[in-house]
Each structure stands twice: as C-alpha cells, then as structure tokens.
Amino acid sequence: MPHPALDGTLRSHLYCASYSSMLRIGPHLELPDSEIVIRAVRSQGAGGQNVNKVASAIHLQFDIRASSLPPLYKEALLKLRDHRISDAGVITIKAQQYRTQERNREAALDRLRMMIQQVAIPKKKRKRTVPTKGSQARRIDQKKRQGRLKALRRTVE
C-alpha cells in the first residue's frame, strides 16, 4: 500500500517488492516490504537507442513516520541533515548506476539499509582537551616572530 505522503497519480506505476517479504537491517530489525515503495523510471543521461524504451532506474520511497521502525531510529533519521529526506519525513533514493532494474533495486535497498544502520551506531562524545603549556608557548613565540617579520616590511621614514 503506497504511503499517503506520496503522490496519488503515481500509484498506477508503482509496484511493491515481491522478491522477499522483509528488508533485513540488523539481526533484530527488519522492515516489511509493504512500507517501501519502489517505482521504475527511465534513467537519465546517455545510453543510446535503448535508453528511451527501458525503465531501468529505480525510485525508492520510504516514509519514516509511518514505518514500523523503533522510535529511536525514527528520531535519529528525522534529525539527519540529508538531501534525500524531505520535510514530510520521506526518504527518496534514486538508483540508476546499473543497466538492469533488478540490480538498481538491490542498490537502492542497500542504500536504505546503510542509512538506517548508520543511525544505529551511537556517536562518541567529544572529550574537551586543554592545550599544553608548551604548545601555548610555541604559538606565542611564532606570533612574535611573525610580528617582527612584518615590522621589517614597513617603510622607513
């Protein structure tokens, strides 16, 4: 079933993935294929006479808010500053690297999987550090040397 956030005119061109029933994200996390909308479109760029006849590129759309992801994943995904995530919370991935629709579909699903897995890795907190006395002294010495050098460049009266 397509997501309500998606354009209703596209529904006749959509097909839901029928290869597997779930997209495995991790050992304890899977997404049902019904939450992922995959649409075949024509690829961009050069490709000869065949490019206008074959829809080999894939548009994958995934609604974060309507998904069955745990709330922690949803919040982290929505916080990401990524051009592929719309203001409505829909991830759009276009895959057109390969010549076949099946390989582009796999590439798009892999990118979605990697995006969700990236959010699952906790970020390390940065430890504040203080410059050492020696590094402070070297910095001041360098500034003094540079100041003396610039003073020599001035015109003499």
Protein backbone atom coordinates (compact mmCIF):
# COMPACT_ATOMS: atom_id res chain seq x y z
CA MET A 1 0.00 0.00 0.00
CA PRO A 2 1.58 3.33 -1.02
CA HIS A 3 2.17 5.95 1.63
CA PRO A 4 -0.34 8.81 1.96
CA ALA A 5 2.54 11.33 1.72
CA LEU A 6 3.24 10.18 -1.85
CA ASP A 7 1.54 11.50 -4.97
CA GLY A 8 -1.64 9.55 -5.79
CA THR A 9 -1.14 9.88 -9.57
CA LEU A 10 1.93 7.68 -9.39
CA ARG A 11 0.14 4.71 -7.87
CA SER A 12 -0.55 3.03 -11.19
CA HIS A 13 3.20 2.96 -11.91
CA LEU A 14 4.20 1.56 -8.53
CA TYR A 15 4.96 -1.97 -7.70
CA CYS A 16 5.74 -3.39 -4.30
CA ALA A 17 8.75 -5.62 -3.95
CA SER A 18 7.81 -9.25 -4.33
CA TYR A 19 11.30 -10.79 -4.14
CA SER A 20 11.47 -11.00 -0.35
CA SER A 21 8.99 -10.21 2.37
CA MET A 22 11.33 -8.27 4.66
CA LEU A 23 14.35 -5.99 4.34
CA ARG A 24 16.85 -7.09 6.98
CA ILE A 25 18.52 -4.09 8.65
CA GLY A 26 20.19 -5.93 11.54
CA PRO A 27 19.92 -9.15 13.49
CA HIS A 28 16.83 -7.92 15.37
CA LEU A 29 15.42 -5.37 12.94
CA GLU A 30 13.51 -5.98 9.71
CA LEU A 31 11.29 -3.78 7.57
CA PRO A 32 8.27 -5.22 5.76
CA ASP A 33 8.33 -4.57 2.02
CA SER A 34 4.86 -3.03 2.26
CA GLU A 35 6.50 0.04 3.88
CA ILE A 36 8.87 0.56 0.94
CA VAL A 37 7.53 1.98 -2.32
CA ILE A 38 9.61 1.15 -5.38
CA ARG A 39 8.94 2.73 -8.76
CA ALA A 40 10.71 2.03 -12.06
CA VAL A 41 11.56 5.13 -14.12
CA ARG A 42 13.71 5.92 -17.13
CA SER A 43 17.37 6.56 -16.46
CA GLN A 44 18.95 9.92 -17.16
CA GLY A 45 21.95 10.58 -19.37
CA ALA A 46 23.40 8.93 -22.42
CA GLY A 47 22.54 5.36 -23.25
CA GLY A 48 21.91 5.07 -26.95
CA GLN A 49 18.66 3.99 -28.58
CA ASN A 50 17.59 1.73 -25.70
CA VAL A 51 17.50 4.49 -23.06
CA ASN A 52 14.09 5.79 -24.18
CA LYS A 53 12.46 2.34 -24.14
CA VAL A 54 13.59 0.76 -20.87
CA ALA A 55 12.69 1.94 -17.37
CA SER A 56 15.75 0.61 -15.56
CA ALA A 57 16.25 3.29 -12.89
CA ILE A 58 14.57 2.84 -9.51
CA HIS A 59 12.95 5.44 -7.24
CA LEU A 60 12.66 4.09 -3.71
CA GLN A 61 10.49 5.95 -1.20
CA PHE A 62 10.26 5.18 2.49
CA ASP A 63 8.04 7.11 4.92
CA ILE A 64 9.92 7.31 8.21
CA ARG A 65 6.98 8.45 10.35
CA ALA A 66 4.58 5.75 9.06
CA SER A 67 7.15 2.96 9.34
CA SER A 68 7.44 0.21 11.94
CA LEU A 69 10.95 1.34 12.95
CA PRO A 70 11.58 1.78 16.68
CA PRO A 71 11.10 5.39 17.86
CA LEU A 72 14.85 5.79 18.49
CA TYR A 73 15.60 5.08 14.81
CA LYS A 74 12.80 7.34 13.60
CA GLU A 75 14.02 10.30 15.67
CA ALA A 76 17.62 9.82 14.57
CA LEU A 77 16.64 9.55 10.88
CA LEU A 78 14.48 12.66 11.05
CA LYS A 79 17.35 14.59 12.68
CA LEU A 80 19.74 13.70 9.83
CA ARG A 81 20.58 16.60 7.55
CA ASP A 82 20.38 14.67 4.30
CA HIS A 83 19.03 15.93 0.97
CA ARG A 84 17.31 12.57 0.43
CA ILE A 85 14.96 13.14 3.40
CA SER A 86 12.04 15.50 2.70
CA ASP A 87 10.36 17.79 5.23
CA ALA A 88 7.48 15.31 5.32
CA GLY A 89 9.88 12.61 6.54
CA VAL A 90 10.01 10.58 3.31
CA ILE A 91 13.36 9.16 2.21
CA THR A 92 13.75 9.19 -1.59
CA ILE A 93 16.59 7.22 -3.15
CA LYS A 94 17.24 7.08 -6.90
CA ALA A 95 19.37 4.22 -8.20
CA GLN A 96 20.44 4.23 -11.85
CA GLN A 97 24.02 3.00 -11.72
CA TYR A 98 23.34 -0.38 -13.33
CA ARG A 99 21.74 -1.37 -16.62
CA THR A 100 19.19 -3.73 -15.11
CA GLN A 101 16.20 -2.88 -12.96
CA GLU A 102 16.93 -5.72 -10.53
CA ARG A 103 20.47 -4.55 -9.75
CA ASN A 104 19.30 -0.94 -9.35
CA ARG A 105 16.57 -2.15 -6.99
CA GLU A 106 19.15 -4.01 -4.89
CA ALA A 107 21.42 -0.93 -4.88
CA ALA A 108 18.56 1.30 -3.68
CA LEU A 109 17.61 -1.15 -0.91
CA ASP A 110 21.28 -1.40 0.13
CA ARG A 111 21.49 2.40 0.39
CA LEU A 112 18.36 2.49 2.54
CA ARG A 113 19.75 -0.29 4.73
CA MET A 114 23.08 1.55 5.15
CA MET A 115 21.30 4.81 6.02
CA ILE A 116 19.31 3.13 8.78
CA GLN A 117 22.34 1.18 10.04
CA GLN A 118 24.40 4.40 10.17
CA VAL A 119 21.82 5.91 12.54
CA ALA A 120 22.01 2.84 14.81
CA ILE A 121 25.71 3.41 15.59
CA PRO A 122 25.96 5.66 18.65
CA LYS A 123 28.14 8.75 18.23
CA LYS A 124 31.10 9.08 20.58
CA LYS A 125 31.03 12.12 22.81
CA ARG A 126 33.90 14.50 22.23
CA LYS A 127 36.26 14.96 25.17
CA ARG A 128 37.32 18.55 25.68
CA THR A 129 41.07 18.99 25.81
CA VAL A 130 43.21 21.88 27.01
CA PRO A 131 46.31 22.98 25.07
CA THR A 132 49.56 22.13 26.86
CA LYS A 133 51.80 24.88 28.26
CA GLY A 134 54.45 24.01 25.68
CA SER A 135 52.05 24.32 22.73
CA GLN A 136 50.80 27.66 24.06
CA ALA A 137 54.38 28.95 24.40
CA ARG A 138 55.27 27.79 20.85
CA ARG A 139 52.17 29.54 19.47
CA ILE A 140 53.06 32.83 21.20
CA ASP A 141 56.71 32.59 20.03
CA GLN A 142 55.57 32.03 16.44
CA LYS A 143 53.22 35.02 16.66
CA LYS A 144 56.05 37.22 17.97
CA ARG A 145 58.40 36.09 15.17
CA GLN A 146 55.73 36.75 12.54
CA GLY A 147 55.08 40.20 14.04
CA ARG A 148 58.79 41.10 13.92
CA LEU A 149 58.98 39.94 10.29
CA LYS A 150 56.03 42.12 9.33
CA ALA A 151 57.51 45.08 11.19
CA LEU A 152 60.63 44.84 8.96
CA ARG A 153 58.43 45.20 5.87
CA ARG A 154 57.24 48.68 6.89
CA THR A 155 58.63 51.71 5.10
CA VAL A 156 61.40 53.55 6.86
CA GLU A 157 60.79 57.27 7.42
